[in-house]
């Protein structure tokens, strides 16, 4: 069963903009243009069918945006943690394989 998820990149843009407090600062962090951040967040809002930022006032999250940010931050943190663990596991497996090869070579 396929998961019904928004594009991961849009979630990254949303999290960065919310954390940095502006599209401009998020763009600087992610090496993108503010327009690219805005476009990505607009696409995410369309996908969700809800506004995440209140653009009529100062740059603030809507109540839906606040709630969604908590979930997105947690999910991105879990992905980062899982990635670190997977990479560490690959290094451990590579180190073990290399040690086994050295051991076999040393026994000959």
C-alpha atoms as a PDB file:
ATOM      1  CA  UNK A   1       0.000   0.000   0.000  1.00  0.00           C
ATOM      2  CA  UNK A   2       1.510   3.319  -1.098  1.00  0.00           C
ATOM      3  CA  UNK A   3       1.580   6.141   1.420  1.00  0.00           C
ATOM      4  CA  UNK A   4      -0.257   9.332   0.512  1.00  0.00           C
ATOM      5  CA  UNK A   5       2.509  11.835   1.278  1.00  0.00           C
ATOM      6  CA  UNK A   6       3.306  15.332   0.058  1.00  0.00           C
ATOM      7  CA  UNK A   7       6.633  15.814  -1.721  1.00  0.00           C
ATOM      8  CA  UNK A   8       9.523  15.532   0.721  1.00  0.00           C
ATOM      9  CA  UNK A   9      11.228  18.608  -0.711  1.00  0.00           C
ATOM     10  CA  UNK A  10       8.136  20.725   0.003  1.00  0.00           C
ATOM     11  CA  UNK A  11       8.276  19.576   3.629  1.00  0.00           C
ATOM     12  CA  UNK A  12      11.941  20.618   3.825  1.00  0.00           C
ATOM     13  CA  UNK A  13      11.060  24.049   2.423  1.00  0.00           C
ATOM     14  CA  UNK A  14       8.169  24.466   4.863  1.00  0.00           C
ATOM     15  CA  UNK A  15      10.277  23.459   7.872  1.00  0.00           C
ATOM     16  CA  UNK A  16      13.137  25.787   6.924  1.00  0.00           C
ATOM     17  CA  UNK A  17      10.834  28.756   6.259  1.00  0.00           C
ATOM     18  CA  UNK A  18       8.968  28.254   9.517  1.00  0.00           C
ATOM     19  CA  UNK A  19      12.165  27.795  11.537  1.00  0.00           C
ATOM     20  CA  UNK A  20      13.979  30.730   9.927  1.00  0.00           C
ATOM     21  CA  UNK A  21      10.942  33.018   9.982  1.00  0.00           C
ATOM     22  CA  UNK A  22      11.133  34.064   6.348  1.00  0.00           C
ATOM     23  CA  UNK A  23      11.280  32.740   2.813  1.00  0.00           C
ATOM     24  CA  UNK A  24      14.434  34.805   2.213  1.00  0.00           C
ATOM     25  CA  UNK A  25      16.371  33.284   5.130  1.00  0.00           C
ATOM     26  CA  UNK A  26      15.139  29.782   4.229  1.00  0.00           C
ATOM     27  CA  UNK A  27      16.295  30.382   0.660  1.00  0.00           C
ATOM     28  CA  UNK A  28      19.740  31.441   1.851  1.00  0.00           C
ATOM     29  CA  UNK A  29      20.031  28.332   4.027  1.00  0.00           C
ATOM     30  CA  UNK A  30      18.938  25.974   1.252  1.00  0.00           C
ATOM     31  CA  UNK A  31      20.783  27.799  -1.556  1.00  0.00           C
ATOM     32  CA  UNK A  32      17.555  28.566  -3.410  1.00  0.00           C
ATOM     33  CA  UNK A  33      15.712  31.721  -4.382  1.00  0.00           C
ATOM     34  CA  UNK A  34      12.936  33.113  -2.179  1.00  0.00           C
ATOM     35  CA  UNK A  35      10.638  32.559  -5.168  1.00  0.00           C
ATOM     36  CA  UNK A  36      11.485  28.848  -5.185  1.00  0.00           C
ATOM     37  CA  UNK A  37      10.658  28.633  -1.475  1.00  0.00           C
ATOM     38  CA  UNK A  38       7.370  30.470  -2.013  1.00  0.00           C
ATOM     39  CA  UNK A  39       6.457  28.285  -4.978  1.00  0.00           C
ATOM     40  CA  UNK A  40       7.237  25.088  -3.044  1.00  0.00           C
ATOM     41  CA  UNK A  41       5.188  26.176  -0.051  1.00  0.00           C
ATOM     42  CA  UNK A  42       2.293  27.249  -2.282  1.00  0.00           C
ATOM     43  CA  UNK A  43       2.392  23.795  -3.869  1.00  0.00           C
ATOM     44  CA  UNK A  44       2.389  22.163  -0.433  1.00  0.00           C
ATOM     45  CA  UNK A  45      -0.558  24.311   0.676  1.00  0.00           C
ATOM     46  CA  UNK A  46      -2.453  23.334  -2.473  1.00  0.00           C
ATOM     47  CA  UNK A  47      -1.632  19.663  -1.916  1.00  0.00           C
ATOM     48  CA  UNK A  48      -2.851  19.882   1.689  1.00  0.00           C
ATOM     49  CA  UNK A  49      -5.789  22.145   0.927  1.00  0.00           C
ATOM     50  CA  UNK A  50      -4.874  24.391   3.852  1.00  0.00           C
ATOM     51  CA  UNK A  51      -2.894  27.608   4.345  1.00  0.00           C
ATOM     52  CA  UNK A  52       0.215  27.151   6.455  1.00  0.00           C
ATOM     53  CA  UNK A  53       1.317  30.808   6.600  1.00  0.00           C
ATOM     54  CA  UNK A  54      -0.744  33.928   7.235  1.00  0.00           C
ATOM     55  CA  UNK A  55       0.548  36.243   4.562  1.00  0.00           C
ATOM     56  CA  UNK A  56      -1.771  39.139   5.423  1.00  0.00           C
ATOM     57  CA  UNK A  57       0.240  40.046   8.519  1.00  0.00           C
ATOM     58  CA  UNK A  58       3.817  39.646   9.534  1.00  0.00           C
ATOM     59  CA  UNK A  59       5.293  36.299   8.493  1.00  0.00           C
ATOM     60  CA  UNK A  60       3.484  33.901  10.861  1.00  0.00           C
ATOM     61  CA  UNK A  61       2.207  30.361  10.774  1.00  0.00           C
ATOM     62  CA  UNK A  62      -1.510  29.723  10.842  1.00  0.00           C
ATOM     63  CA  UNK A  63      -2.803  27.425  13.585  1.00  0.00           C
ATOM     64  CA  UNK A  64      -2.804  24.613  11.009  1.00  0.00           C
ATOM     65  CA  UNK A  65       0.786  25.520  10.137  1.00  0.00           C
ATOM     66  CA  UNK A  66       1.798  25.385  13.803  1.00  0.00           C
ATOM     67  CA  UNK A  67       0.289  21.915  14.215  1.00  0.00           C
ATOM     68  CA  UNK A  68       1.741  20.666  10.946  1.00  0.00           C
ATOM     69  CA  UNK A  69       5.209  22.014  11.773  1.00  0.00           C
ATOM     70  CA  UNK A  70       5.383  19.836  14.896  1.00  0.00           C
ATOM     71  CA  UNK A  71       4.666  16.731  12.811  1.00  0.00           C
ATOM     72  CA  UNK A  72       7.020  17.702   9.994  1.00  0.00           C
ATOM     73  CA  UNK A  73       9.895  18.490  12.376  1.00  0.00           C
ATOM     74  CA  UNK A  74       9.449  15.134  14.096  1.00  0.00           C
ATOM     75  CA  UNK A  75       9.263  13.260  10.805  1.00  0.00           C
ATOM     76  CA  UNK A  76      12.348  14.982   9.345  1.00  0.00           C
ATOM     77  CA  UNK A  77      14.247  14.300  12.582  1.00  0.00           C
ATOM     78  CA  UNK A  78      13.325  10.624  12.371  1.00  0.00           C
ATOM     79  CA  UNK A  79      14.477  10.478   8.741  1.00  0.00           C
ATOM     80  CA  UNK A  80      17.785  12.156   9.662  1.00  0.00           C
ATOM     81  CA  UNK A  81      18.300   9.756  12.572  1.00  0.00           C
ATOM     82  CA  UNK A  82      17.472   6.725  10.444  1.00  0.00           C
ATOM     83  CA  UNK A  83      19.824   7.936   7.732  1.00  0.00           C
ATOM     84  CA  UNK A  84      22.656   8.385  10.231  1.00  0.00           C
ATOM     85  CA  UNK A  85      22.048   4.918  11.648  1.00  0.00           C
ATOM     86  CA  UNK A  86      21.900   3.344   8.189  1.00  0.00           C
ATOM     87  CA  UNK A  87      25.141   5.035   7.188  1.00  0.00           C
ATOM     88  CA  UNK A  88      26.801   4.005  10.440  1.00  0.00           C
ATOM     89  CA  UNK A  89      25.558   0.445   9.910  1.00  0.00           C
ATOM     90  CA  UNK A  90      27.013   0.402   6.401  1.00  0.00           C
ATOM     91  CA  UNK A  91      30.340   1.649   7.750  1.00  0.00           C
ATOM     92  CA  UNK A  92      30.267  -1.013  10.483  1.00  0.00           C
ATOM     93  CA  UNK A  93      29.463  -3.706   7.924  1.00  0.00           C
ATOM     94  CA  UNK A  94      32.212  -2.431   5.598  1.00  0.00           C
ATOM     95  CA  UNK A  95      34.694  -2.333   8.476  1.00  0.00           C
ATOM     96  CA  UNK A  96      33.765  -5.901   9.488  1.00  0.00           C
ATOM     97  CA  UNK A  97      34.093  -7.128   5.891  1.00  0.00           C
ATOM     98  CA  UNK A  98      37.469  -5.417   5.503  1.00  0.00           C
ATOM     99  CA  UNK A  99      38.659  -6.952   8.782  1.00  0.00           C
ATOM    100  CA  UNK A 100      37.545 -10.390   7.582  1.00  0.00           C
ATOM    101  CA  UNK A 101      39.442  -9.919   4.322  1.00  0.00           C
ATOM    102  CA  UNK A 102      42.569  -8.835   6.223  1.00  0.00           C
ATOM    103  CA  UNK A 103      42.203 -11.838   8.509  1.00  0.00           C
ATOM    104  CA  UNK A 104      41.881 -14.244   5.564  1.00  0.00           C
ATOM    105  CA  UNK A 105      44.856 -12.683   3.817  1.00  0.00           C
ATOM    106  CA  UNK A 106      46.897 -12.897   7.011  1.00  0.00           C
ATOM    107  CA  UNK A 107      46.099 -16.608   7.425  1.00  0.00           C
ATOM    108  CA  UNK A 108      47.457 -17.545   3.991  1.00  0.00           C
END
